[in-house]
Amino acid sequence: MRVEVDRDRCEGNAVCVGIAPDLFELDDEDYVIVTKDPIPADQEDLAEQAIAECPRAALTRKD
């Protein structure tokens, strides 16, 4: 699986970073970037949780 970030929706709240710091981080402009592409199978549950809990729905699962 892959995760895509909609930079128009992302506010840099970093909820995803708090849930899965091995998968997400903030760049210099406080936008979330995905650090692993594709997401390792053993971390897909964390990625799904980050997608579900993003306050701006800025993360999308891509298969």
PDB file of N, CA and C in Angstrom:
ATOM      1  N   MET A   1       0.831  -1.184   0.000  1.00  0.00           N
ATOM      2  CA  MET A   1       0.000   0.000   0.000  1.00  0.00           C
ATOM      3  C   MET A   1       0.869   1.238   0.000  1.00  0.00           C
ATOM      4  N   ARG A   2       0.299   2.307  -0.512  1.00  0.00           N
ATOM      5  CA  ARG A   2       0.967   3.608  -0.500  1.00  0.00           C
ATOM      6  C   ARG A   2       0.024   4.619   0.154  1.00  0.00           C
ATOM      7  N   VAL A   3       0.592   5.697   0.670  1.00  0.00           N
ATOM      8  CA  VAL A   3      -0.212   6.772   1.240  1.00  0.00           C
ATOM      9  C   VAL A   3       0.151   8.057   0.506  1.00  0.00           C
ATOM     10  N   GLU A   4      -0.871   8.772   0.091  1.00  0.00           N
ATOM     11  CA  GLU A   4      -0.694  10.029  -0.622  1.00  0.00           C
ATOM     12  C   GLU A   4      -1.147  11.179   0.276  1.00  0.00           C
ATOM     13  N   VAL A   5      -0.404  12.285   0.241  1.00  0.00           N
ATOM     14  CA  VAL A   5      -0.730  13.468   1.040  1.00  0.00           C
ATOM     15  C   VAL A   5      -1.278  14.555   0.123  1.00  0.00           C
ATOM     16  N   ASP A   6      -2.438  15.087   0.473  1.00  0.00           N
ATOM     17  CA  ASP A   6      -3.017  16.225  -0.241  1.00  0.00           C
ATOM     18  C   ASP A   6      -2.507  17.488   0.447  1.00  0.00           C
ATOM     19  N   ARG A   7      -1.525  18.132  -0.159  1.00  0.00           N
ATOM     20  CA  ARG A   7      -0.903  19.315   0.457  1.00  0.00           C
ATOM     21  C   ARG A   7      -1.867  20.490   0.578  1.00  0.00           C
ATOM     22  N   ASP A   8      -2.925  20.504  -0.217  1.00  0.00           N
ATOM     23  CA  ASP A   8      -3.920  21.575  -0.097  1.00  0.00           C
ATOM     24  C   ASP A   8      -4.752  21.411   1.170  1.00  0.00           C
ATOM     25  N   ARG A   9      -4.888  20.185   1.647  1.00  0.00           N
ATOM     26  CA  ARG A   9      -5.679  19.931   2.856  1.00  0.00           C
ATOM     27  C   ARG A   9      -4.818  19.881   4.120  1.00  0.00           C
ATOM     28  N   CYS A  10      -3.568  19.471   3.984  1.00  0.00           N
ATOM     29  CA  CYS A  10      -2.688  19.281   5.146  1.00  0.00           C
ATOM     30  C   CYS A  10      -2.419  20.619   5.840  1.00  0.00           C
ATOM     31  N   GLU A  11      -2.595  20.618   7.157  1.00  0.00           N
ATOM     32  CA  GLU A  11      -2.304  21.804   7.974  1.00  0.00           C
ATOM     33  C   GLU A  11      -1.092  21.604   8.868  1.00  0.00           C
ATOM     34  N   GLY A  12      -0.438  20.465   8.756  1.00  0.00           N
ATOM     35  CA  GLY A  12       0.733  20.199   9.586  1.00  0.00           C
ATOM     36  C   GLY A  12       0.391  19.929  11.032  1.00  0.00           C
ATOM     37  N   ASN A  13      -0.797  19.404  11.293  1.00  0.00           N
ATOM     38  CA  ASN A  13      -1.187  19.073  12.666  1.00  0.00           C
ATOM     39  C   ASN A  13      -0.344  17.941  13.249  1.00  0.00           C
ATOM     40  N   ALA A  14       0.237  17.139  12.398  1.00  0.00           N
ATOM     41  CA  ALA A  14       1.167  16.062  12.761  1.00  0.00           C
ATOM     42  C   ALA A  14       0.525  14.942  13.575  1.00  0.00           C
ATOM     43  N   VAL A  15      -0.782  14.781  13.463  1.00  0.00           N
ATOM     44  CA  VAL A  15      -1.436  13.661  14.129  1.00  0.00           C
ATOM     45  C   VAL A  15      -0.844  12.359  13.601  1.00  0.00           C
ATOM     46  N   CYS A  16      -0.643  12.293  12.289  1.00  0.00           N
ATOM     47  CA  CYS A  16      -0.081  11.088  11.685  1.00  0.00           C
ATOM     48  C   CYS A  16       1.341  10.814  12.181  1.00  0.00           C
ATOM     49  N   VAL A  17       2.114  11.869  12.381  1.00  0.00           N
ATOM     50  CA  VAL A  17       3.471  11.714  12.894  1.00  0.00           C
ATOM     51  C   VAL A  17       3.429  11.128  14.307  1.00  0.00           C
ATOM     52  N   GLY A  18       2.479  11.573  15.102  1.00  0.00           N
ATOM     53  CA  GLY A  18       2.340  11.036  16.451  1.00  0.00           C
ATOM     54  C   GLY A  18       1.941   9.570  16.454  1.00  0.00           C
ATOM     55  N   ILE A  19       1.138   9.169  15.476  1.00  0.00           N
ATOM     56  CA  ILE A  19       0.686   7.781  15.390  1.00  0.00           C
ATOM     57  C   ILE A  19       1.774   6.882  14.810  1.00  0.00           C
ATOM     58  N   ALA A  20       2.432   7.350  13.766  1.00  0.00           N
ATOM     59  CA  ALA A  20       3.400   6.516  13.047  1.00  0.00           C
ATOM     60  C   ALA A  20       4.640   7.327  12.659  1.00  0.00           C
ATOM     61  N   PRO A  21       5.486   7.630  13.632  1.00  0.00           N
ATOM     62  CA  PRO A  21       6.657   8.465  13.344  1.00  0.00           C
ATOM     63  C   PRO A  21       7.664   7.819  12.392  1.00  0.00           C
ATOM     64  N   ASP A  22       7.587   6.501  12.214  1.00  0.00           N
ATOM     65  CA  ASP A  22       8.471   5.839  11.250  1.00  0.00           C
ATOM     66  C   ASP A  22       7.968   5.985   9.819  1.00  0.00           C
ATOM     67  N   LEU A  23       6.721   6.431   9.658  1.00  0.00           N
ATOM     68  CA  LEU A  23       6.124   6.537   8.328  1.00  0.00           C
ATOM     69  C   LEU A  23       5.926   7.966   7.853  1.00  0.00           C
ATOM     70  N   PHE A  24       5.791   8.899   8.803  1.00  0.00           N
ATOM     71  CA  PHE A  24       5.476  10.283   8.455  1.00  0.00           C
ATOM     72  C   PHE A  24       6.385  11.242   9.207  1.00  0.00           C
ATOM     73  N   GLU A  25       6.679  12.372   8.561  1.00  0.00           N
ATOM     74  CA  GLU A  25       7.393  13.468   9.232  1.00  0.00           C
ATOM     75  C   GLU A  25       6.970  14.769   8.576  1.00  0.00           C
ATOM     76  N   LEU A  26       7.287  15.877   9.231  1.00  0.00           N
ATOM     77  CA  LEU A  26       6.983  17.199   8.683  1.00  0.00           C
ATOM     78  C   LEU A  26       8.192  17.712   7.928  1.00  0.00           C
ATOM     79  N   ASP A  27       7.941  18.336   6.774  1.00  0.00           N
ATOM     80  CA  ASP A  27       9.039  18.942   6.030  1.00  0.00           C
ATOM     81  C   ASP A  27       9.293  20.359   6.559  1.00  0.00           C
ATOM     82  N   ASP A  28      10.151  21.084   5.899  1.00  0.00           N
ATOM     83  CA  ASP A  28      10.525  22.434   6.349  1.00  0.00           C
ATOM     84  C   ASP A  28       9.368  23.425   6.313  1.00  0.00           C
ATOM     85  N   GLU A  29       8.325  23.105   5.545  1.00  0.00           N
ATOM     86  CA  GLU A  29       7.159  23.987   5.451  1.00  0.00           C
ATOM     87  C   GLU A  29       6.001  23.478   6.295  1.00  0.00           C
ATOM     88  N   ASP A  30       6.271  22.504   7.165  1.00  0.00           N
ATOM     89  CA  ASP A  30       5.269  21.899   8.054  1.00  0.00           C
ATOM     90  C   ASP A  30       4.165  21.146   7.311  1.00  0.00           C
ATOM     91  N   TYR A  31       4.506  20.575   6.178  1.00  0.00           N
ATOM     92  CA  TYR A  31       3.617  19.656   5.483  1.00  0.00           C
ATOM     93  C   TYR A  31       4.099  18.242   5.769  1.00  0.00           C
ATOM     94  N   VAL A  32       3.156  17.336   5.860  1.00  0.00           N
ATOM     95  CA  VAL A  32       3.513  15.950   6.113  1.00  0.00           C
ATOM     96  C   VAL A  32       4.086  15.321   4.851  1.00  0.00           C
ATOM     97  N   ILE A  33       5.135  14.530   5.038  1.00  0.00           N
ATOM     98  CA  ILE A  33       5.661  13.716   3.954  1.00  0.00           C
ATOM     99  C   ILE A  33       5.673  12.266   4.420  1.00  0.00           C
ATOM    100  N   VAL A  34       5.489  11.376   3.463  1.00  0.00           N
ATOM    101  CA  VAL A  34       5.532   9.945   3.736  1.00  0.00           C
ATOM    102  C   VAL A  34       6.980   9.510   3.567  1.00  0.00           C
ATOM    103  N   THR A  35       7.532   8.866   4.594  1.00  0.00           N
ATOM    104  CA  THR A  35       8.949   8.501   4.561  1.00  0.00           C
ATOM    105  C   THR A  35       9.201   7.099   4.036  1.00  0.00           C
ATOM    106  N   LYS A  36       8.149   6.291   3.901  1.00  0.00           N
ATOM    107  CA  LYS A  36       8.308   4.936   3.366  1.00  0.00           C
ATOM    108  C   LYS A  36       7.280   4.716   2.266  1.00  0.00           C
ATOM    109  N   ASP A  37       7.779   4.352   1.096  1.00  0.00           N
ATOM    110  CA  ASP A  37       6.893   4.125  -0.047  1.00  0.00           C
ATOM    111  C   ASP A  37       7.428   2.938  -0.828  1.00  0.00           C
ATOM    112  N   PRO A  38       6.729   1.840  -0.799  1.00  0.00           N
ATOM    113  CA  PRO A  38       5.428   1.610  -0.177  1.00  0.00           C
ATOM    114  C   PRO A  38       5.542   1.412   1.333  1.00  0.00           C
ATOM    115  N   ILE A  39       4.398   1.445   1.987  1.00  0.00           N
ATOM    116  CA  ILE A  39       4.339   1.213   3.432  1.00  0.00           C
ATOM    117  C   ILE A  39       4.644  -0.268   3.684  1.00  0.00           C
ATOM    118  N   PRO A  40       5.575  -0.570   4.588  1.00  0.00           N
ATOM    119  CA  PRO A  40       5.836  -1.980   4.902  1.00  0.00           C
ATOM    120  C   PRO A  40       4.577  -2.664   5.441  1.00  0.00           C
ATOM    121  N   ALA A  41       4.409  -3.917   5.076  1.00  0.00           N
ATOM    122  CA  ALA A  41       3.207  -4.672   5.457  1.00  0.00           C
ATOM    123  C   ALA A  41       2.971  -4.664   6.960  1.00  0.00           C
ATOM    124  N   ASP A  42       4.041  -4.724   7.746  1.00  0.00           N
ATOM    125  CA  ASP A  42       3.868  -4.771   9.200  1.00  0.00           C
ATOM    126  C   ASP A  42       3.494  -3.413   9.805  1.00  0.00           C
ATOM    127  N   GLN A  43       3.457  -2.360   8.985  1.00  0.00           N
ATOM    128  CA  GLN A  43       3.089  -1.033   9.480  1.00  0.00           C
ATOM    129  C   GLN A  43       1.816  -0.489   8.825  1.00  0.00           C
ATOM    130  N   GLU A  44       1.152  -1.321   8.035  1.00  0.00           N
ATOM    131  CA  GLU A  44      -0.057  -0.875   7.354  1.00  0.00           C
ATOM    132  C   GLU A  44      -1.170  -0.499   8.324  1.00  0.00           C
ATOM    133  N   ASP A  45      -1.285  -1.201   9.448  1.00  0.00           N
ATOM    134  CA  ASP A  45      -2.320  -0.854  10.434  1.00  0.00           C
ATOM    135  C   ASP A  45      -2.100   0.549  10.986  1.00  0.00           C
ATOM    136  N   LEU A  46      -0.844   0.906  11.248  1.00  0.00           N
ATOM    137  CA  LEU A  46      -0.547   2.263  11.731  1.00  0.00           C
ATOM    138  C   LEU A  46      -0.868   3.301  10.663  1.00  0.00           C
ATOM    139  N   ALA A  47      -0.555   2.990   9.420  1.00  0.00           N
ATOM    140  CA  ALA A  47      -0.867   3.914   8.327  1.00  0.00           C
ATOM    141  C   ALA A  47      -2.373   4.104   8.210  1.00  0.00           C
ATOM    142  N   GLU A  48      -3.124   3.021   8.318  1.00  0.00           N
ATOM    143  CA  GLU A  48      -4.593   3.110   8.260  1.00  0.00           C
ATOM    144  C   GLU A  48      -5.136   3.954   9.406  1.00  0.00           C
ATOM    145  N   GLN A  49      -4.563   3.804  10.586  1.00  0.00           N
ATOM    146  CA  GLN A  49      -4.992   4.601  11.737  1.00  0.00           C
ATOM    147  C   GLN A  49      -4.690   6.081  11.491  1.00  0.00           C
ATOM    148  N   ALA A  50      -3.518   6.378  10.954  1.00  0.00           N
ATOM    149  CA  ALA A  50      -3.154   7.766  10.650  1.00  0.00           C
ATOM    150  C   ALA A  50      -4.106   8.370   9.618  1.00  0.00           C
ATOM    151  N   ILE A  51      -4.457   7.598   8.598  1.00  0.00           N
ATOM    152  CA  ILE A  51      -5.404   8.067   7.580  1.00  0.00           C
ATOM    153  C   ILE A  51      -6.749   8.383   8.230  1.00  0.00           C
ATOM    154  N   ALA A  52      -7.221   7.482   9.068  1.00  0.00           N
ATOM    155  CA  ALA A  52      -8.533   7.642   9.706  1.00  0.00           C
ATOM    156  C   ALA A  52      -8.574   8.823  10.666  1.00  0.00           C
ATOM    157  N   GLU A  53      -7.463   9.108  11.328  1.00  0.00           N
ATOM    158  CA  GLU A  53      -7.458  10.138  12.366  1.00  0.00           C
ATOM    159  C   GLU A  53      -6.963  11.507  11.892  1.00  0.00           C
ATOM    160  N   CYS A  54      -6.586  11.626  10.640  1.00  0.00           N
ATOM    161  CA  CYS A  54      -6.139  12.925  10.128  1.00  0.00           C
ATOM    162  C   CYS A  54      -7.297  13.921  10.233  1.00  0.00           C
ATOM    163  N   PRO A  55      -7.116  15.027  10.961  1.00  0.00           N
ATOM    164  CA  PRO A  55      -8.212  15.963  11.172  1.00  0.00           C
ATOM    165  C   PRO A  55      -8.672  16.685   9.906  1.00  0.00           C
ATOM    166  N   ARG A  56      -7.838  16.725   8.880  1.00  0.00           N
ATOM    167  CA  ARG A  56      -8.187  17.408   7.628  1.00  0.00           C
ATOM    168  C   ARG A  56      -8.399  16.430   6.478  1.00  0.00           C
ATOM    169  N   ALA A  57      -8.400  15.127   6.766  1.00  0.00           N
ATOM    170  CA  ALA A  57      -8.568  14.095   5.730  1.00  0.00           C
ATOM    171  C   ALA A  57      -7.596  14.318   4.576  1.00  0.00           C
ATOM    172  N   ALA A  58      -6.352  14.605   4.923  1.00  0.00           N
ATOM    173  CA  ALA A  58      -5.333  14.904   3.925  1.00  0.00           C
ATOM    174  C   ALA A  58      -4.579  13.661   3.447  1.00  0.00           C
ATOM    175  N   LEU A  59      -4.820  12.532   4.080  1.00  0.00           N
ATOM    176  CA  LEU A  59      -4.131  11.302   3.711  1.00  0.00           C
ATOM    177  C   LEU A  59      -5.095  10.350   3.003  1.00  0.00           C
ATOM    178  N   THR A  60      -4.581   9.731   1.955  1.00  0.00           N
ATOM    179  CA  THR A  60      -5.396   8.800   1.176  1.00  0.00           C
ATOM    180  C   THR A  60      -4.598   7.523   0.936  1.00  0.00           C
ATOM    181  N   ARG A  61      -5.263   6.398   1.100  1.00  0.00           N
ATOM    182  CA  ARG A  61      -4.646   5.110   0.798  1.00  0.00           C
ATOM    183  C   ARG A  61      -4.677   4.883  -0.705  1.00  0.00           C
ATOM    184  N   LYS A  62      -3.544   4.449  -1.230  1.00  0.00           N
ATOM    185  CA  LYS A  62      -3.419   4.064  -2.637  1.00  0.00           C
ATOM    186  C   LYS A  62      -2.891   2.639  -2.668  1.00  0.00           C
ATOM    187  N   ASP A  63      -3.583   1.779  -3.388  1.00  0.00           N
ATOM    188  CA  ASP A  63      -3.139   0.369  -3.465  1.00  0.00           C
ATOM    189  C   ASP A  63      -2.242   0.149  -4.651  1.00  0.00           C
TER     190      ASP A  63
END
